[in-house]
Amino acid sequence: MMERLRMHAPKIKIQNVVAAFSFNHELDLEKIRKAFAEECFFETLTDKRFTFRVVALRIEDPKMSLLIYRTGKVVCTGAKTVKDAEHSAEYFLDRLRKAGFDSQTKAKAKIQNIVATADLKTSIDLERFLSHIQEEKQFHFIYEPEQFPGAIVKFPVAQGSEATVLLFSSGKLVCAGLTRYKHIQKAVELFTSRLMVEPT
């Protein structure tokens, strides 16, 4: 007979916070690159339909990168705290003004995604765990060990917020798709509350 695994709440570590904001006008990428020559470089991003030319501004303190588009859109990535990502617009605007640019953003930076990791400190039988949670309709998962060593599990944690969790047999997990830290905590709690072990 299986019983629930009793464990302390694992420590959650934020690995990356993505945020976005926009300016009221188009940006001159060449002038920005020249103004911050030691920190900037051009980068080409390609999706299925378009190729984008952007300037990437690497910032050491606070550590983050800003992908700057000609349209005025800016994406902050690589931030290690939600606070740093939320203040990325103010930080960049201050840098621009000090460099002689007359700019104004439309709004504050908005969090788009938080990627966090946790270690459950125990090995997980993925097939047994997935067999257990498949009885609950809220969980949707993909597990193809021949293609990828972890299970990909998606489930709602709040209205309009869905978590995507990569769970590995080592007990390590990666949580993405959420924009609030408290929702990440809830997602990890949902997982740990459903882990099952054989009684000793």
C-alpha atoms as a PDB file:
ATOM      1  CA  MET A   1       0.000   0.000   0.000  1.00  0.00           C
ATOM      2  CA  MET A   2       1.297   3.463  -0.911  1.00  0.00           C
ATOM      3  CA  GLU A   3       1.446   6.407   1.457  1.00  0.00           C
ATOM      4  CA  ARG A   4       2.113  10.061   0.922  1.00  0.00           C
ATOM      5  CA  LEU A   5       5.680  11.240   1.223  1.00  0.00           C
ATOM      6  CA  ARG A   6       6.135  13.611   4.153  1.00  0.00           C
ATOM      7  CA  MET A   7       8.705  16.312   3.439  1.00  0.00           C
ATOM      8  CA  HIS A   8       9.567  19.863   4.240  1.00  0.00           C
ATOM      9  CA  ALA A   9       8.766  22.470   1.607  1.00  0.00           C
ATOM     10  CA  PRO A  10      11.732  22.493  -0.786  1.00  0.00           C
ATOM     11  CA  LYS A  11      13.748  25.641  -1.320  1.00  0.00           C
ATOM     12  CA  ILE A  12      12.710  27.398  -4.524  1.00  0.00           C
ATOM     13  CA  LYS A  13      15.379  29.254  -6.487  1.00  0.00           C
ATOM     14  CA  ILE A  14      14.530  31.762  -9.205  1.00  0.00           C
ATOM     15  CA  GLN A  15      16.714  31.224 -12.270  1.00  0.00           C
ATOM     16  CA  ASN A  16      15.266  33.724 -14.729  1.00  0.00           C
ATOM     17  CA  VAL A  17      12.600  36.427 -14.732  1.00  0.00           C
ATOM     18  CA  VAL A  18      11.316  37.739 -18.062  1.00  0.00           C
ATOM     19  CA  ALA A  19       9.548  41.090 -18.286  1.00  0.00           C
ATOM     20  CA  ALA A  20       8.548  43.440 -21.099  1.00  0.00           C
ATOM     21  CA  PHE A  21       7.809  47.118 -21.576  1.00  0.00           C
ATOM     22  CA  SER A  22       7.452  49.563 -24.477  1.00  0.00           C
ATOM     23  CA  PHE A  23       8.364  53.102 -25.416  1.00  0.00           C
ATOM     24  CA  ASN A  24       5.980  55.632 -26.918  1.00  0.00           C
ATOM     25  CA  HIS A  25       8.108  55.811 -30.048  1.00  0.00           C
ATOM     26  CA  GLU A  26      10.466  53.834 -32.260  1.00  0.00           C
ATOM     27  CA  LEU A  27      14.069  53.453 -31.110  1.00  0.00           C
ATOM     28  CA  ASP A  28      17.230  54.152 -33.083  1.00  0.00           C
ATOM     29  CA  LEU A  29      19.108  50.917 -32.514  1.00  0.00           C
ATOM     30  CA  GLU A  30      22.359  52.143 -34.058  1.00  0.00           C
ATOM     31  CA  LYS A  31      22.489  55.178 -31.761  1.00  0.00           C
ATOM     32  CA  ILE A  32      21.738  53.021 -28.730  1.00  0.00           C
ATOM     33  CA  ARG A  33      24.434  50.548 -29.701  1.00  0.00           C
ATOM     34  CA  LYS A  34      26.988  53.357 -30.071  1.00  0.00           C
ATOM     35  CA  ALA A  35      25.943  54.991 -26.796  1.00  0.00           C
ATOM     36  CA  PHE A  36      26.490  51.733 -24.898  1.00  0.00           C
ATOM     37  CA  ALA A  37      29.199  50.261 -27.113  1.00  0.00           C
ATOM     38  CA  GLU A  38      30.898  48.266 -24.357  1.00  0.00           C
ATOM     39  CA  GLU A  39      27.666  46.595 -23.241  1.00  0.00           C
ATOM     40  CA  CYS A  40      25.711  46.264 -26.508  1.00  0.00           C
ATOM     41  CA  PHE A  41      25.773  44.072 -29.567  1.00  0.00           C
ATOM     42  CA  PHE A  42      23.429  43.436 -32.460  1.00  0.00           C
ATOM     43  CA  GLU A  43      21.555  40.153 -32.463  1.00  0.00           C
ATOM     44  CA  THR A  44      19.279  38.568 -35.033  1.00  0.00           C
ATOM     45  CA  LEU A  45      16.199  36.674 -33.824  1.00  0.00           C
ATOM     46  CA  THR A  46      14.168  34.527 -36.183  1.00  0.00           C
ATOM     47  CA  ASP A  47      10.723  32.982 -35.813  1.00  0.00           C
ATOM     48  CA  LYS A  48       8.547  31.185 -38.359  1.00  0.00           C
ATOM     49  CA  ARG A  49       7.601  34.344 -40.268  1.00  0.00           C
ATOM     50  CA  PHE A  50       9.990  37.171 -39.468  1.00  0.00           C
ATOM     51  CA  THR A  51      13.607  37.973 -38.772  1.00  0.00           C
ATOM     52  CA  PHE A  52      14.135  40.626 -36.117  1.00  0.00           C
ATOM     53  CA  ARG A  53      17.182  42.839 -35.733  1.00  0.00           C
ATOM     54  CA  VAL A  54      17.598  43.774 -32.087  1.00  0.00           C
ATOM     55  CA  VAL A  55      20.195  45.309 -29.836  1.00  0.00           C
ATOM     56  CA  ALA A  56      21.078  43.270 -26.766  1.00  0.00           C
ATOM     57  CA  LEU A  57      22.245  45.305 -23.779  1.00  0.00           C
ATOM     58  CA  ARG A  58      24.010  43.235 -21.138  1.00  0.00           C
ATOM     59  CA  ILE A  59      23.902  44.697 -17.650  1.00  0.00           C
ATOM     60  CA  GLU A  60      26.111  43.456 -14.837  1.00  0.00           C
ATOM     61  CA  ASP A  61      24.445  45.141 -11.847  1.00  0.00           C
ATOM     62  CA  PRO A  62      21.664  44.203 -11.514  1.00  0.00           C
ATOM     63  CA  LYS A  63      22.448  41.250 -13.751  1.00  0.00           C
ATOM     64  CA  MET A  64      20.073  41.080 -16.725  1.00  0.00           C
ATOM     65  CA  SER A  65      19.924  41.521 -20.483  1.00  0.00           C
ATOM     66  CA  LEU A  66      17.622  43.846 -22.404  1.00  0.00           C
ATOM     67  CA  LEU A  67      16.538  42.930 -25.934  1.00  0.00           C
ATOM     68  CA  ILE A  68      15.731  46.240 -27.584  1.00  0.00           C
ATOM     69  CA  TYR A  69      13.523  46.334 -30.698  1.00  0.00           C
ATOM     70  CA  ARG A  70      13.249  49.161 -33.227  1.00  0.00           C
ATOM     71  CA  THR A  71       9.483  49.283 -32.583  1.00  0.00           C
ATOM     72  CA  GLY A  72      10.113  50.463 -29.028  1.00  0.00           C
ATOM     73  CA  LYS A  73       9.491  47.128 -27.349  1.00  0.00           C
ATOM     74  CA  VAL A  74      12.064  45.971 -24.806  1.00  0.00           C
ATOM     75  CA  VAL A  75      12.283  42.507 -23.245  1.00  0.00           C
ATOM     76  CA  CYS A  76      14.188  42.004 -20.011  1.00  0.00           C
ATOM     77  CA  THR A  77      15.602  38.518 -19.520  1.00  0.00           C
ATOM     78  CA  GLY A  78      18.092  36.908 -17.167  1.00  0.00           C
ATOM     79  CA  ALA A  79      17.019  38.841 -14.069  1.00  0.00           C
ATOM     80  CA  LYS A  80      17.410  36.850 -10.869  1.00  0.00           C
ATOM     81  CA  THR A  81      14.714  38.604  -8.859  1.00  0.00           C
ATOM     82  CA  VAL A  82      11.200  39.773  -9.627  1.00  0.00           C
ATOM     83  CA  LYS A  83      12.057  43.202  -8.221  1.00  0.00           C
ATOM     84  CA  ASP A  84      14.945  43.711 -10.646  1.00  0.00           C
ATOM     85  CA  ALA A  85      12.781  42.706 -13.621  1.00  0.00           C
ATOM     86  CA  GLU A  86       9.932  44.974 -12.489  1.00  0.00           C
ATOM     87  CA  HIS A  87      12.311  47.938 -12.321  1.00  0.00           C
ATOM     88  CA  SER A  88      14.055  47.233 -15.638  1.00  0.00           C
ATOM     89  CA  ALA A  89      12.077  49.941 -17.467  1.00  0.00           C
ATOM     90  CA  GLU A  90      13.033  52.638 -14.960  1.00  0.00           C
ATOM     91  CA  TYR A  91      16.654  51.486 -15.029  1.00  0.00           C
ATOM     92  CA  PHE A  92      16.903  51.546 -18.831  1.00  0.00           C
ATOM     93  CA  LEU A  93      15.070  54.857 -19.105  1.00  0.00           C
ATOM     94  CA  ASP A  94      17.492  56.408 -16.615  1.00  0.00           C
ATOM     95  CA  ARG A  95      20.459  55.098 -18.621  1.00  0.00           C
ATOM     96  CA  LEU A  96      19.020  56.502 -21.855  1.00  0.00           C
ATOM     97  CA  ARG A  97      18.417  59.950 -20.378  1.00  0.00           C
ATOM     98  CA  LYS A  98      21.919  60.115 -18.942  1.00  0.00           C
ATOM     99  CA  ALA A  99      23.215  59.265 -22.432  1.00  0.00           C
ATOM    100  CA  GLY A 100      21.250  62.157 -23.930  1.00  0.00           C
ATOM    101  CA  PHE A 101      18.145  60.375 -25.242  1.00  0.00           C
ATOM    102  CA  ASP A 102      14.726  61.986 -24.817  1.00  0.00           C
ATOM    103  CA  SER A 103      12.535  58.953 -24.193  1.00  0.00           C
ATOM    104  CA  GLN A 104       9.390  57.953 -22.364  1.00  0.00           C
ATOM    105  CA  THR A 105       7.974  54.501 -21.683  1.00  0.00           C
ATOM    106  CA  LYS A 106       4.282  53.655 -22.006  1.00  0.00           C
ATOM    107  CA  ALA A 107       4.083  51.735 -18.747  1.00  0.00           C
ATOM    108  CA  LYS A 108       6.130  49.885 -16.158  1.00  0.00           C
ATOM    109  CA  ALA A 109       7.670  46.538 -16.980  1.00  0.00           C
ATOM    110  CA  LYS A 110       5.252  43.634 -16.751  1.00  0.00           C
ATOM    111  CA  ILE A 111       6.385  40.175 -15.699  1.00  0.00           C
ATOM    112  CA  GLN A 112       5.926  37.656 -18.518  1.00  0.00           C
ATOM    113  CA  ASN A 113       7.455  34.512 -17.052  1.00  0.00           C
ATOM    114  CA  ILE A 114       9.385  33.249 -14.038  1.00  0.00           C
ATOM    115  CA  VAL A 115      11.591  30.173 -14.300  1.00  0.00           C
ATOM    116  CA  ALA A 116      12.399  28.571 -10.964  1.00  0.00           C
ATOM    117  CA  THR A 117      13.975  25.336  -9.770  1.00  0.00           C
ATOM    118  CA  ALA A 118      13.615  23.182  -6.680  1.00  0.00           C
ATOM    119  CA  ASP A 119      15.149  19.989  -5.355  1.00  0.00           C
ATOM    120  CA  LEU A 120      12.804  17.572  -3.567  1.00  0.00           C
ATOM    121  CA  LYS A 121      15.831  15.768  -2.079  1.00  0.00           C
ATOM    122  CA  THR A 122      14.458  12.339  -2.949  1.00  0.00           C
ATOM    123  CA  SER A 123      14.323  10.073  -5.981  1.00  0.00           C
ATOM    124  CA  ILE A 124      11.014   9.946  -7.831  1.00  0.00           C
ATOM    125  CA  ASP A 125       9.489   6.989  -9.645  1.00  0.00           C
ATOM    126  CA  LEU A 126       8.080   9.040 -12.503  1.00  0.00           C
ATOM    127  CA  GLU A 127       5.842   6.335 -13.945  1.00  0.00           C
ATOM    128  CA  ARG A 128       4.274   5.660 -10.551  1.00  0.00           C
ATOM    129  CA  PHE A 129       3.852   9.363  -9.827  1.00  0.00           C
ATOM    130  CA  LEU A 130       2.202  10.035 -13.203  1.00  0.00           C
ATOM    131  CA  SER A 131      -0.049   7.017 -12.794  1.00  0.00           C
ATOM    132  CA  HIS A 132      -1.201   8.521  -9.526  1.00  0.00           C
ATOM    133  CA  ILE A 133      -1.914  12.051 -10.768  1.00  0.00           C
ATOM    134  CA  GLN A 134      -3.593  10.990 -14.019  1.00  0.00           C
ATOM    135  CA  GLU A 135      -6.699  10.305 -11.937  1.00  0.00           C
ATOM    136  CA  GLU A 136      -6.981  14.075 -11.432  1.00  0.00           C
ATOM    137  CA  LYS A 137      -8.333  15.898 -14.471  1.00  0.00           C
ATOM    138  CA  GLN A 138      -6.419  19.092 -13.752  1.00  0.00           C
ATOM    139  CA  PHE A 139      -3.075  17.479 -14.591  1.00  0.00           C
ATOM    140  CA  HIS A 140      -1.923  16.982 -18.186  1.00  0.00           C
ATOM    141  CA  PHE A 141       1.433  15.413 -18.819  1.00  0.00           C
ATOM    142  CA  ILE A 142       3.859  14.108 -21.418  1.00  0.00           C
ATOM    143  CA  TYR A 143       6.426  11.475 -20.522  1.00  0.00           C
ATOM    144  CA  GLU A 144       8.528   9.911 -23.254  1.00  0.00           C
ATOM    145  CA  PRO A 145      11.752   8.754 -21.556  1.00  0.00           C
ATOM    146  CA  GLU A 146      13.252   7.696 -24.886  1.00  0.00           C
ATOM    147  CA  GLN A 147      13.070  11.329 -26.024  1.00  0.00           C
ATOM    148  CA  PHE A 148      13.474  13.317 -22.798  1.00  0.00           C
ATOM    149  CA  PRO A 149      14.440  12.142 -19.287  1.00  0.00           C
ATOM    150  CA  GLY A 150      11.850  14.229 -17.460  1.00  0.00           C
ATOM    151  CA  ALA A 151       8.081  14.380 -17.274  1.00  0.00           C
ATOM    152  CA  ILE A 152       6.373  17.547 -18.513  1.00  0.00           C
ATOM    153  CA  VAL A 153       3.331  18.314 -16.400  1.00  0.00           C
ATOM    154  CA  LYS A 154       0.878  21.176 -16.934  1.00  0.00           C
ATOM    155  CA  PHE A 155      -1.815  22.219 -14.499  1.00  0.00           C
ATOM    156  CA  PRO A 156      -3.654  25.372 -13.333  1.00  0.00           C
ATOM    157  CA  VAL A 157      -2.646  27.006 -10.073  1.00  0.00           C
ATOM    158  CA  ALA A 158      -4.941  30.039 -10.227  1.00  0.00           C
ATOM    159  CA  GLN A 159      -7.492  31.522 -12.576  1.00  0.00           C
ATOM    160  CA  GLY A 160      -5.697  32.290 -15.831  1.00  0.00           C
ATOM    161  CA  SER A 161      -2.363  30.909 -14.573  1.00  0.00           C
ATOM    162  CA  GLU A 162      -1.029  27.540 -15.709  1.00  0.00           C
ATOM    163  CA  ALA A 163       2.231  26.020 -14.539  1.00  0.00           C
ATOM    164  CA  THR A 164       4.522  23.890 -16.658  1.00  0.00           C
ATOM    165  CA  VAL A 165       6.747  21.689 -14.523  1.00  0.00           C
ATOM    166  CA  LEU A 166       9.613  19.509 -15.676  1.00  0.00           C
ATOM    167  CA  LEU A 167      10.057  16.756 -13.107  1.00  0.00           C
ATOM    168  CA  PHE A 168      13.075  14.436 -13.112  1.00  0.00           C
ATOM    169  CA  SER A 169      13.604  11.112 -11.368  1.00  0.00           C
ATOM    170  CA  SER A 170      16.412  12.719  -9.350  1.00  0.00           C
ATOM    171  CA  GLY A 171      13.793  14.814  -7.589  1.00  0.00           C
ATOM    172  CA  LYS A 172      14.816  18.035  -9.267  1.00  0.00           C
ATOM    173  CA  LEU A 173      12.143  20.117 -10.959  1.00  0.00           C
ATOM    174  CA  VAL A 174      11.863  23.212 -13.111  1.00  0.00           C
ATOM    175  CA  CYS A 175       8.742  25.376 -12.967  1.00  0.00           C
ATOM    176  CA  ALA A 176       7.860  27.880 -15.710  1.00  0.00           C
ATOM    177  CA  GLY A 177       4.886  29.708 -17.153  1.00  0.00           C
ATOM    178  CA  LEU A 178       3.884  31.654 -14.048  1.00  0.00           C
ATOM    179  CA  THR A 179       4.260  35.356 -13.294  1.00  0.00           C
ATOM    180  CA  ARG A 180       3.908  35.436  -9.507  1.00  0.00           C
ATOM    181  CA  TYR A 181       6.204  33.837  -6.950  1.00  0.00           C
ATOM    182  CA  LYS A 182       3.323  32.754  -4.731  1.00  0.00           C
ATOM    183  CA  HIS A 183       1.893  30.750  -7.648  1.00  0.00           C
ATOM    184  CA  ILE A 184       5.234  28.977  -8.044  1.00  0.00           C
ATOM    185  CA  GLN A 185       5.107  28.084  -4.349  1.00  0.00           C
ATOM    186  CA  LYS A 186       1.594  26.733  -4.822  1.00  0.00           C
ATOM    187  CA  ALA A 187       2.660  24.672  -7.849  1.00  0.00           C
ATOM    188  CA  VAL A 188       5.533  23.080  -5.928  1.00  0.00           C
ATOM    189  CA  GLU A 189       3.242  22.398  -2.954  1.00  0.00           C
ATOM    190  CA  LEU A 190       0.756  20.643  -5.260  1.00  0.00           C
ATOM    191  CA  PHE A 191       3.546  18.384  -6.448  1.00  0.00           C
ATOM    192  CA  THR A 192       4.993  17.523  -3.075  1.00  0.00           C
ATOM    193  CA  SER A 193       1.554  16.790  -1.650  1.00  0.00           C
ATOM    194  CA  ARG A 194       1.021  14.108  -4.299  1.00  0.00           C
ATOM    195  CA  LEU A 195       4.337  12.269  -4.091  1.00  0.00           C
ATOM    196  CA  MET A 196       3.876   8.693  -2.993  1.00  0.00           C
ATOM    197  CA  VAL A 197       6.344   6.176  -1.513  1.00  0.00           C
ATOM    198  CA  GLU A 198       6.287   2.619  -0.278  1.00  0.00           C
ATOM    199  CA  PRO A 199       6.086   2.442   3.517  1.00  0.00           C
ATOM    200  CA  THR A 200       9.170   1.011   5.207  1.00  0.00           C
END
